[in-house]
Structures are given as structure tokens and as C-alpha cells.
C-alpha atoms as a PDB file:
ATOM      1  CA  MET A   1      43.107  20.445  22.015  1.00  0.00           C
ATOM      2  CA  SER A   2      40.490  17.503  22.613  1.00  0.00           C
ATOM      3  CA  LEU A   3      39.638  15.356  19.470  1.00  0.00           C
ATOM      4  CA  PHE A   4      35.450  15.713  20.329  1.00  0.00           C
ATOM      5  CA  GLY A   5      33.807  18.458  21.360  1.00  0.00           C
ATOM      6  CA  VAL A   6      31.879  19.905  24.287  1.00  0.00           C
ATOM      7  CA  GLY A   7      28.963  17.769  25.133  1.00  0.00           C
ATOM      8  CA  PRO A   8      31.462  14.626  26.314  1.00  0.00           C
ATOM      9  CA  CYS A   9      33.616  17.052  28.385  1.00  0.00           C
ATOM     10  CA  VAL A  10      31.305  16.194  31.299  1.00  0.00           C
ATOM     11  CA  THR A  11      31.287  12.528  30.987  1.00  0.00           C
ATOM     12  CA  ASN A  12      35.321  13.017  30.478  1.00  0.00           C
ATOM     13  CA  ALA A  13      35.677  15.076  33.951  1.00  0.00           C
ATOM     14  CA  LEU A  14      32.964  12.351  35.606  1.00  0.00           C
ATOM     15  CA  SER A  15      35.310   9.482  34.415  1.00  0.00           C
ATOM     16  CA  SER A  16      37.726   7.926  36.176  1.00  0.00           C
ATOM     17  CA  ARG A  17      39.483   7.277  32.237  1.00  0.00           C
ATOM     18  CA  LEU A  18      38.193   7.967  28.450  1.00  0.00           C
ATOM     19  CA  THR A  19      39.407   6.822  25.319  1.00  0.00           C
ATOM     20  CA  ALA A  20      38.112   8.927  22.273  1.00  0.00           C
ATOM     21  CA  GLU A  21      38.879   7.858  18.378  1.00  0.00           C
ATOM     22  CA  VAL A  22      38.447   9.519  15.599  1.00  0.00           C
ATOM     23  CA  ARG A  23      38.357   8.136  12.152  1.00  0.00           C
ATOM     24  CA  ARG A  24      38.812  11.159   9.604  1.00  0.00           C
ATOM     25  CA  LYS A  25      39.613  12.347   6.569  1.00  0.00           C
ATOM     26  CA  GLY A  26      41.683   8.714   6.476  1.00  0.00           C
ATOM     27  CA  VAL A  27      43.148   8.878   9.503  1.00  0.00           C
ATOM     28  CA  HIS A  28      42.508   7.094  13.108  1.00  0.00           C
ATOM     29  CA  TRP A  29      43.403   9.330  15.797  1.00  0.00           C
ATOM     30  CA  VAL A  30      42.997   8.161  19.652  1.00  0.00           C
ATOM     31  CA  GLN A  31      43.742  10.020  22.684  1.00  0.00           C
ATOM     32  CA  GLU A  32      43.596   9.005  26.307  1.00  0.00           C
ATOM     33  CA  TYR A  33      41.861  11.039  29.430  1.00  0.00           C
ATOM     34  CA  ALA A  34      42.187  10.187  32.950  1.00  0.00           C
ATOM     35  CA  ARG A  35      39.760  11.906  35.545  1.00  0.00           C
ATOM     36  CA  GLY A  36      39.285  14.968  33.083  1.00  0.00           C
ATOM     37  CA  VAL A  37      42.993  15.199  31.892  1.00  0.00           C
ATOM     38  CA  ALA A  38      44.742  14.360  28.829  1.00  0.00           C
ATOM     39  CA  LEU A  39      47.263  11.729  29.162  1.00  0.00           C
ATOM     40  CA  THR A  40      48.770  11.869  26.102  1.00  0.00           C
ATOM     41  CA  PRO A  41      47.826  14.538  22.452  1.00  0.00           C
ATOM     42  CA  PRO A  42      45.998  12.977  19.692  1.00  0.00           C
ATOM     43  CA  ILE A  43      48.290  10.107  18.621  1.00  0.00           C
ATOM     44  CA  SER A  44      47.590   8.759  15.152  1.00  0.00           C
ATOM     45  CA  THR A  45      47.830   5.111  14.483  1.00  0.00           C
ATOM     46  CA  GLY A  46      47.699   4.637  10.923  1.00  0.00           C
ATOM     47  CA  PRO A  47      44.996   5.100   8.097  1.00  0.00           C
ATOM     48  CA  THR A  48      41.653   3.909   8.017  1.00  0.00           C
ATOM     49  CA  THR A  49      38.688   3.543   5.370  1.00  0.00           C
ATOM     50  CA  ARG A  50      36.448   4.086   8.144  1.00  0.00           C
ATOM     51  CA  GLY A  51      34.203   7.321   9.494  1.00  0.00           C
ATOM     52  CA  GLY A  52      32.932   8.391  13.020  1.00  0.00           C
ATOM     53  CA  THR A  53      33.926   8.266  16.677  1.00  0.00           C
ATOM     54  CA  THR A  54      33.983   5.992  19.386  1.00  0.00           C
ATOM     55  CA  ILE A  55      34.158   7.640  23.096  1.00  0.00           C
ATOM     56  CA  ALA A  56      34.567   4.558  26.322  1.00  0.00           C
ATOM     57  CA  PHE A  57      34.539   5.872  29.267  1.00  0.00           C
ATOM     58  CA  TRP A  58      34.531   4.186  32.911  1.00  0.00           C
ATOM     59  CA  PRO A  59      32.781   5.987  35.580  1.00  0.00           C
ATOM     60  CA  ASP A  60      34.379   7.329  38.545  1.00  0.00           C
ATOM     61  CA  THR A  61      33.444   5.264  41.695  1.00  0.00           C
ATOM     62  CA  ASP A  62      35.130   7.888  43.638  1.00  0.00           C
ATOM     63  CA  ILE A  63      32.596  10.287  42.506  1.00  0.00           C
ATOM     64  CA  PHE A  64      29.342   8.148  41.666  1.00  0.00           C
ATOM     65  CA  GLU A  65      28.170   5.401  44.488  1.00  0.00           C
ATOM     66  CA  THR A  66      27.472   3.062  42.079  1.00  0.00           C
ATOM     67  CA  ALA A  67      29.592   2.693  38.339  1.00  0.00           C
ATOM     68  CA  GLU A  68      26.550   0.118  37.308  1.00  0.00           C
ATOM     69  CA  CYS A  69      24.879   1.035  33.833  1.00  0.00           C
ATOM     70  CA  SER A  70      21.800  -0.328  33.569  1.00  0.00           C
ATOM     71  CA  PHE A  71      20.822  -1.800  29.762  1.00  0.00           C
ATOM     72  CA  ALA A  72      17.048  -0.904  30.061  1.00  0.00           C
ATOM     73  CA  VAL A  73      17.772   2.653  31.247  1.00  0.00           C
ATOM     74  CA  LEU A  74      20.025   3.281  28.179  1.00  0.00           C
ATOM     75  CA  ALA A  75      17.434   1.256  25.998  1.00  0.00           C
ATOM     76  CA  GLU A  76      14.761   3.670  26.938  1.00  0.00           C
ATOM     77  CA  ARG A  77      16.718   6.741  26.313  1.00  0.00           C
ATOM     78  CA  PHE A  78      18.018   5.608  23.326  1.00  0.00           C
ATOM     79  CA  ARG A  79      14.226   4.797  21.960  1.00  0.00           C
ATOM     80  CA  GLU A  80      13.428   8.262  22.713  1.00  0.00           C
ATOM     81  CA  LEU A  81      15.771   9.684  20.740  1.00  0.00           C
ATOM     82  CA  ALA A  82      15.303   7.401  17.800  1.00  0.00           C
ATOM     83  CA  PHE A  83      11.411   8.536  18.460  1.00  0.00           C
ATOM     84  CA  LEU A  84      11.992  11.921  18.542  1.00  0.00           C
ATOM     85  CA  ASN A  85      14.915  12.493  16.171  1.00  0.00           C
ATOM     86  CA  ARG A  86      13.507  10.031  12.574  1.00  0.00           C
ATOM     87  CA  GLY A  87      16.337   8.604  10.593  1.00  0.00           C
ATOM     88  CA  LEU A  88      18.169   8.501  13.299  1.00  0.00           C
ATOM     89  CA  ASP A  89      19.921   5.087  14.174  1.00  0.00           C
ATOM     90  CA  ILE A  90      21.220   3.718  17.353  1.00  0.00           C
ATOM     91  CA  SER A  91      22.653   0.202  18.170  1.00  0.00           C
ATOM     92  CA  LEU A  92      22.814  -0.573  21.780  1.00  0.00           C
ATOM     93  CA  THR A  93      25.137  -3.774  22.739  1.00  0.00           C
ATOM     94  CA  ASP A  94      25.693  -4.987  26.603  1.00  0.00           C
ATOM     95  CA  GLU A  95      28.393  -7.767  26.500  1.00  0.00           C
ATOM     96  CA  ARG A  96      28.488  -7.874  30.688  1.00  0.00           C
ATOM     97  CA  PRO A  97      26.369 -11.214  30.833  1.00  0.00           C
ATOM     98  CA  ALA A  98      27.599 -14.302  30.886  1.00  0.00           C
ATOM     99  CA  GLY A  99      25.401 -16.126  29.347  1.00  0.00           C
ATOM    100  CA  GLY A 100      26.247 -13.800  26.291  1.00  0.00           C
ATOM    101  CA  SER A 101      25.542 -10.660  25.412  1.00  0.00           C
ATOM    102  CA  ARG A 102      22.304  -8.477  24.351  1.00  0.00           C
ATOM    103  CA  SER A 103      21.651  -6.066  21.849  1.00  0.00           C
ATOM    104  CA  VAL A 104      18.086  -3.714  21.195  1.00  0.00           C
ATOM    105  CA  ARG A 105      18.649  -1.491  17.774  1.00  0.00           C
ATOM    106  CA  CYS A 106      16.344   2.193  17.864  1.00  0.00           C
ATOM    107  CA  ARG A 107      15.108   3.401  14.317  1.00  0.00           C
ATOM    108  CA  PHE A 108      11.749   4.770  13.427  1.00  0.00           C
ATOM    109  CA  PRO A 109      11.403   6.679  10.637  1.00  0.00           C
ATOM    110  CA  GLY A 110       7.917   7.789  11.306  1.00  0.00           C
ATOM    111  CA  GLY A 111       9.489  10.355  13.899  1.00  0.00           C
ATOM    112  CA  ALA A 112       6.622  11.553  16.807  1.00  0.00           C
ATOM    113  CA  ARG A 113       3.594   9.496  14.915  1.00  0.00           C
ATOM    114  CA  ASP A 114       5.558   5.957  15.493  1.00  0.00           C
ATOM    115  CA  PHE A 115       6.064   7.878  19.724  1.00  0.00           C
ATOM    116  CA  VAL A 116       2.119   7.639  19.846  1.00  0.00           C
ATOM    117  CA  ALA A 117       1.613   4.383  18.100  1.00  0.00           C
ATOM    118  CA  PHE A 118       4.392   2.788  20.689  1.00  0.00           C
ATOM    119  CA  LEU A 119       2.596   4.559  23.765  1.00  0.00           C
ATOM    120  CA  ASP A 120      -0.411   2.999  22.474  1.00  0.00           C
ATOM    121  CA  ALA A 121       0.350   0.239  21.921  1.00  0.00           C
ATOM    122  CA  GLN A 122      -0.406  -1.374  25.641  1.00  0.00           C
ATOM    123  CA  GLY A 123      -3.738   0.169  26.813  1.00  0.00           C
ATOM    124  CA  GLU A 124      -7.384   0.852  26.207  1.00  0.00           C
ATOM    125  CA  ALA A 125      -8.338   1.033  22.161  1.00  0.00           C
ATOM    126  CA  SER A 126      -7.723   4.177  19.882  1.00  0.00           C
ATOM    127  CA  VAL A 127     -10.818   6.322  18.958  1.00  0.00           C
ATOM    128  CA  HIS A 128      -9.636   6.201  15.770  1.00  0.00           C
ATOM    129  CA  PRO A 129      -7.123   4.261  13.755  1.00  0.00           C
ATOM    130  CA  ASP A 130      -5.021   7.178  12.204  1.00  0.00           C
ATOM    131  CA  VAL A 131      -2.350   8.450  14.191  1.00  0.00           C
ATOM    132  CA  ILE A 132      -2.234  12.787  13.329  1.00  0.00           C
ATOM    133  CA  ASP A 133       0.749  13.854  12.757  1.00  0.00           C
ATOM    134  CA  PHE A 134       2.949  17.070  11.461  1.00  0.00           C
ATOM    135  CA  GLU A 135       6.334  18.851  11.323  1.00  0.00           C
ATOM    136  CA  ARG A 136       6.468  22.422  10.839  1.00  0.00           C
ATOM    137  CA  GLU A 137       9.287  25.429  10.187  1.00  0.00           C
ATOM    138  CA  ASP A 138       8.721  27.938  11.425  1.00  0.00           C
ATOM    139  CA  PRO A 139      11.322  30.819  11.271  1.00  0.00           C
ATOM    140  CA  ARG A 140       9.692  33.370  13.384  1.00  0.00           C
ATOM    141  CA  ILE A 141      10.920  30.824  16.212  1.00  0.00           C
ATOM    142  CA  ALA A 142      14.017  29.553  14.644  1.00  0.00           C
ATOM    143  CA  GLY A 143      13.099  25.770  14.653  1.00  0.00           C
ATOM    144  CA  THR A 144      10.449  23.177  13.966  1.00  0.00           C
ATOM    145  CA  VAL A 145       7.256  21.977  15.837  1.00  0.00           C
ATOM    146  CA  GLU A 146       6.634  18.464  14.976  1.00  0.00           C
ATOM    147  CA  VAL A 147       3.313  16.753  16.728  1.00  0.00           C
ATOM    148  CA  ALA A 148       1.653  13.425  17.026  1.00  0.00           C
ATOM    149  CA  LEU A 149      -1.845  12.456  18.742  1.00  0.00           C
ATOM    150  CA  ARG A 150      -4.213  10.191  18.703  1.00  0.00           C
ATOM    151  CA  TRP A 151      -7.784  10.162  20.992  1.00  0.00           C
ATOM    152  CA  ARG A 152      -8.501   5.987  23.018  1.00  0.00           C
ATOM    153  CA  GLY A 153     -11.371   4.891  24.944  1.00  0.00           C
ATOM    154  CA  SER A 154     -10.012   6.340  27.993  1.00  0.00           C
ATOM    155  CA  HIS A 155      -9.820   8.782  30.327  1.00  0.00           C
ATOM    156  CA  GLU A 156      -6.788   9.332  30.958  1.00  0.00           C
ATOM    157  CA  GLU A 157      -4.035  12.206  29.519  1.00  0.00           C
ATOM    158  CA  ARG A 158      -0.967  11.221  28.241  1.00  0.00           C
ATOM    159  CA  LEU A 159       1.333  13.911  26.395  1.00  0.00           C
ATOM    160  CA  HIS A 160       4.524  13.698  26.022  1.00  0.00           C
ATOM    161  CA  SER A 161       6.630  17.368  25.868  1.00  0.00           C
ATOM    162  CA  TYR A 162      10.135  17.446  24.404  1.00  0.00           C
ATOM    163  CA  ALA A 163      12.543  20.770  23.904  1.00  0.00           C
ATOM    164  CA  ASN A 164      15.805  19.980  21.526  1.00  0.00           C
ATOM    165  CA  SER A 165      14.787  15.916  22.510  1.00  0.00           C
ATOM    166  CA  GLU A 166      15.154  16.651  26.216  1.00  0.00           C
ATOM    167  CA  PRO A 167      12.268  15.765  27.977  1.00  0.00           C
ATOM    168  CA  THR A 168      10.759  18.908  29.706  1.00  0.00           C
ATOM    169  CA  PRO A 169       7.822  17.057  32.470  1.00  0.00           C
ATOM    170  CA  TYR A 170       6.837  20.358  33.386  1.00  0.00           C
ATOM    171  CA  GLY A 171       5.386  20.906  30.268  1.00  0.00           C
ATOM    172  CA  GLY A 172       5.986  24.899  28.933  1.00  0.00           C
ATOM    173  CA  THR A 173       4.686  27.276  26.095  1.00  0.00           C
ATOM    174  CA  HIS A 174       4.904  24.397  24.069  1.00  0.00           C
ATOM    175  CA  MET A 175       2.606  22.424  25.563  1.00  0.00           C
ATOM    176  CA  ALA A 176       0.213  25.914  26.391  1.00  0.00           C
ATOM    177  CA  GLY A 177       0.277  26.306  22.446  1.00  0.00           C
ATOM    178  CA  PHE A 178      -0.638  22.783  21.645  1.00  0.00           C
ATOM    179  CA  ARG A 179      -3.528  22.655  24.358  1.00  0.00           C
ATOM    180  CA  ASP A 180      -4.977  26.146  23.006  1.00  0.00           C
ATOM    181  CA  GLY A 181      -4.339  24.991  19.054  1.00  0.00           C
ATOM    182  CA  VAL A 182      -6.150  21.420  20.180  1.00  0.00           C
ATOM    183  CA  ALA A 183      -9.164  23.167  21.704  1.00  0.00           C
ATOM    184  CA  ALA A 184      -9.368  25.904  18.661  1.00  0.00           C
ATOM    185  CA  ALA A 185      -9.319  23.293  16.029  1.00  0.00           C
ATOM    186  CA  VAL A 186     -11.879  20.498  18.296  1.00  0.00           C
ATOM    187  CA  ASN A 187     -14.337  23.614  19.328  1.00  0.00           C
ATOM    188  CA  ALA A 188     -14.241  24.854  15.396  1.00  0.00           C
ATOM    189  CA  HIS A 189     -15.020  21.672  13.903  1.00  0.00           C
ATOM    190  CA  VAL A 190     -17.800  20.819  16.143  1.00  0.00           C
ATOM    191  CA  ARG A 191     -19.589  24.574  16.128  1.00  0.00           C
ATOM    192  CA  GLU A 192     -19.098  23.590  12.156  1.00  0.00           C
ATOM    193  CA  ARG A 193     -21.142  20.252  12.664  1.00  0.00           C
ATOM    194  CA  ARG A 194     -23.595  22.020  15.136  1.00  0.00           C
ATOM    195  CA  LEU A 195     -23.128  19.036  17.301  1.00  0.00           C
ATOM    196  CA  LEU A 196     -23.226  21.498  20.181  1.00  0.00           C
ATOM    197  CA  ALA A 197     -26.133  23.289  20.804  1.00  0.00           C
ATOM    198  CA  GLU A 198     -25.640  27.174  20.287  1.00  0.00           C
ATOM    199  CA  ALA A 199     -25.931  28.164  23.548  1.00  0.00           C
ATOM    200  CA  ALA A 200     -23.876  25.628  25.257  1.00  0.00           C
ATOM    201  CA  PRO A 201     -20.173  26.481  25.881  1.00  0.00           C
ATOM    202  CA  ASP A 202     -17.096  25.865  24.400  1.00  0.00           C
ATOM    203  CA  LEU A 203     -15.698  21.790  24.630  1.00  0.00           C
ATOM    204  CA  SER A 204     -13.308  22.772  27.530  1.00  0.00           C
ATOM    205  CA  VAL A 205      -8.866  22.172  27.407  1.00  0.00           C
ATOM    206  CA  ASP A 206      -9.606  19.245  30.214  1.00  0.00           C
ATOM    207  CA  GLN A 207     -12.682  18.039  28.314  1.00  0.00           C
ATOM    208  CA  ILE A 208     -10.780  17.882  25.336  1.00  0.00           C
ATOM    209  CA  GLY A 209      -8.055  15.977  27.159  1.00  0.00           C
ATOM    210  CA  HIS A 210     -10.101  13.299  28.156  1.00  0.00           C
ATOM    211  CA  GLY A 211      -7.866   9.865  26.216  1.00  0.00           C
ATOM    212  CA  LEU A 212      -5.630  12.109  24.346  1.00  0.00           C
ATOM    213  CA  THR A 213      -1.992  10.782  23.377  1.00  0.00           C
ATOM    214  CA  ALA A 214       0.515  12.899  22.512  1.00  0.00           C
ATOM    215  CA  VAL A 215       3.478  14.176  21.907  1.00  0.00           C
ATOM    216  CA  VAL A 216       5.130  17.563  21.021  1.00  0.00           C
ATOM    217  CA  SER A 217       8.289  18.145  20.193  1.00  0.00           C
ATOM    218  CA  VAL A 218       9.999  21.483  19.276  1.00  0.00           C
ATOM    219  CA  LYS A 219      13.971  22.292  18.107  1.00  0.00           C
ATOM    220  CA  LEU A 220      14.853  25.236  18.694  1.00  0.00           C
ATOM    221  CA  ASP A 221      17.851  27.737  17.887  1.00  0.00           C
ATOM    222  CA  ARG A 222      17.847  29.729  20.813  1.00  0.00           C
ATOM    223  CA  PRO A 223      15.753  27.574  23.155  1.00  0.00           C
ATOM    224  CA  GLU A 224      14.211  29.864  26.983  1.00  0.00           C
ATOM    225  CA  PHE A 225      13.972  27.688  29.727  1.00  0.00           C
ATOM    226  CA  SER A 226      12.041  28.024  32.798  1.00  0.00           C
ATOM    227  CA  GLY A 227      14.409  27.528  36.639  1.00  0.00           C
ATOM    228  CA  SER A 228      17.712  26.185  36.252  1.00  0.00           C
ATOM    229  CA  THR A 229      16.732  22.349  35.689  1.00  0.00           C
ATOM    230  CA  ARG A 230      15.170  23.247  32.445  1.00  0.00           C
ATOM    231  CA  GLY A 231      12.328  20.861  32.733  1.00  0.00           C
ATOM    232  CA  MET A 232       9.740  23.872  31.748  1.00  0.00           C
ATOM    233  CA  LEU A 233      10.100  25.863  28.288  1.00  0.00           C
ATOM    234  CA  GLY A 234       9.819  29.575  28.131  1.00  0.00           C
ATOM    235  CA  GLY A 235       8.959  32.078  25.193  1.00  0.00           C
ATOM    236  CA  ALA A 236       5.908  33.212  24.003  1.00  0.00           C
ATOM    237  CA  ALA A 237       6.556  33.253  20.488  1.00  0.00           C
ATOM    238  CA  VAL A 238       6.559  29.376  21.520  1.00  0.00           C
ATOM    239  CA  ARG A 239       3.045  29.438  22.805  1.00  0.00           C
ATOM    240  CA  THR A 240       2.022  31.166  19.440  1.00  0.00           C
ATOM    241  CA  SER A 241       3.537  29.252  16.779  1.00  0.00           C
ATOM    242  CA  VAL A 242       2.673  25.910  18.566  1.00  0.00           C
ATOM    243  CA  ALA A 243      -0.656  27.050  18.781  1.00  0.00           C
ATOM    244  CA  LYS A 244      -1.382  28.214  14.583  1.00  0.00           C
ATOM    245  CA  ALA A 245       0.175  24.775  13.835  1.00  0.00           C
ATOM    246  CA  VAL A 246      -1.815  22.270  15.495  1.00  0.00           C
ATOM    247  CA  ARG A 247      -5.201  24.521  14.712  1.00  0.00           C
ATOM    248  CA  GLU A 248      -4.503  24.477  11.089  1.00  0.00           C
ATOM    249  CA  HIS A 249      -3.531  21.211  10.773  1.00  0.00           C
ATOM    250  CA  LEU A 250      -5.336  19.146  13.122  1.00  0.00           C
ATOM    251  CA  GLY A 251      -8.525  21.387  11.717  1.00  0.00           C
ATOM    252  CA  THR A 252      -7.597  20.619   8.171  1.00  0.00           C
ATOM    253  CA  TRP A 253      -7.337  17.029   9.249  1.00  0.00           C
ATOM    254  CA  LEU A 254     -10.669  16.899  10.917  1.00  0.00           C
ATOM    255  CA  GLU A 255     -12.253  18.546   7.096  1.00  0.00           C
ATOM    256  CA  ARG A 256     -10.178  15.146   4.887  1.00  0.00           C
ATOM    257  CA  HIS A 257     -11.522  12.949   7.716  1.00  0.00           C
ATOM    258  CA  PRO A 258     -14.926  12.962   8.369  1.00  0.00           C
ATOM    259  CA  GLU A 259     -15.649   9.239  10.062  1.00  0.00           C
ATOM    260  CA  GLN A 260     -12.273   9.869  12.011  1.00  0.00           C
ATOM    261  CA  ALA A 261     -13.619  13.246  13.046  1.00  0.00           C
ATOM    262  CA  ALA A 262     -17.501  12.048  13.891  1.00  0.00           C
ATOM    263  CA  ALA A 263     -15.727   9.142  16.111  1.00  0.00           C
ATOM    264  CA  ILE A 264     -13.508  12.015  17.882  1.00  0.00           C
ATOM    265  CA  ALA A 265     -15.655  14.167  18.110  1.00  0.00           C
ATOM    266  CA  GLY A 266     -18.593  11.707  19.333  1.00  0.00           C
ATOM    267  CA  ARG A 267     -16.202  10.723  22.228  1.00  0.00           C
ATOM    268  CA  ILE A 268     -15.511  14.042  23.596  1.00  0.00           C
ATOM    269  CA  ILE A 269     -19.094  15.042  23.439  1.00  0.00           C
ATOM    270  CA  GLN A 270     -19.891  12.429  25.264  1.00  0.00           C
ATOM    271  CA  GLY A 271     -17.392  12.113  28.036  1.00  0.00           C
ATOM    272  CA  ALA A 272     -18.513  16.175  28.229  1.00  0.00           C
ATOM    273  CA  HIS A 273     -21.685  14.759  29.514  1.00  0.00           C
ATOM    274  CA  GLN A 274     -20.777  13.048  31.777  1.00  0.00           C
ATOM    275  CA  ASP A 275     -18.107  15.380  33.942  1.00  0.00           C
END
């Protein structure tokens, strides 16, 4: 029986060699594999006071054109995972450079809020200083919704969406719900404060999205994806849940931060008049 779970099995099958070390209940276990086949049963190497698992693998050059791992690509993905899972602490060390190793540590207690701040660090100034963020658990979708957003002084919309920490480049129901919720909250706010003429149409989703940076992350027990690439999330209940959460939290935030809300509304309305 394997010492580790289903996830690493794909890595094991695509590796010419893999070594699994497990430190559990005071015992250090080791098992060796070659191209997915166990060479030995789990072997105890003695007692240990440490815990955790170490996986070392060598990509199979008979399968891959190149077995070279990119430090930059790995660092970017680990940083993304740390943003999406607050409290997770990931360290990456590259011992290949002749001049000495290089390392990066990824840990972001603010979660999606820190992610938006990171995305906004390079670019136009923000319309308002605070990142708007919330996290909500919803039993109706057997999962959680985490959202962070902020408007900048540009027309570019930057939306990043994830399902169970995996990117969803084609969006899906969580992004549709996010757009629904933002549009509902912003339009309710500007109508209540009579910032639009009574006969004027509601601000459109595209108008509201000008200059918006957002991270939308859902974690679901039973995610539904459209297509084989898992790049688009499905599930009508997810759209309803995200829309309701965004509408309520963003609406409350706009009420409690009148100065920043006025800056956001002014920026959106000004942009709408220029369309």
C-alpha cells in the first residue's frame, strides 16, 4: 500500500524515480518507486521526533521533452496558493545555481485581500485605499466564498477566479454571481443617494467593472465543471450564493465607508458618461 494519497500518484507515474518519506507517530518510513512501480515495501529507518512528508521525484525524460523545472513558474504558483489559503506557509528553495541556492517564502495572512493588494502594487493608483473583502460559508453550496476587490484609476478590468484553489480561466457561475452582486450593490447605492437621474438606466456590469481588480475564490465539496479542462465552473446554486454574498457585503461596506463609497461611485459614473 502506498504511503501517500491519490494526488501524488500522477507525479509518481510521470517520474523515472520517486522517493517518499513519511514521519508519523514517531517512526520514519521510506519507500522507493521507479516509473510508478514500488521497488520496495515501506521501510522503517528508525524513530523520529519530526513530522510531515517529503516527496523527491525526477521527471521522466522519456515522457517530457525537458525535465528542467522553472523556479519562476513554481514560485508564482506557490505564491498564488498561499494567497488563496490564508495561513498556509510555503517555502521553495532552488539548490541548482552554482553561485548558491535561492529561496522564496509565501505566506499571506490576509488571503484574497493581500492578493488584490499585490496585484494593485504595480499600476495605476487606487480610487479608494481599502481593499473590500469578505469570506462566507454557505451550506447550500457545501462550501465557502471568499472575495476581495478594489477599484483603480484605469479602464482595465482584472478579475481572477478560482475553484478549490485551481484557476478558472473561463470563469463560470462564481464569476457570473460576482458580477451580479457587484452590479446590484453599486446600483442600489447610487440610486439611494440619487447620484443618477431617476430616468437614467442602471449602470451596466461593464461600466461598473472599469478599473476593478478582484479575486473570487470558492471552495466546494462537490464542484461542477463545464468541459474536460475544468476551466469553467458550473452549478446554478453557486451563482445565487456568490451574488447574494457580494450584494450584502459590498452594500454594507459602501454604507459604512461613505467617503470611499463616494469616490467609487464618482469614478464609475464619470466613466459611464465617457462611454
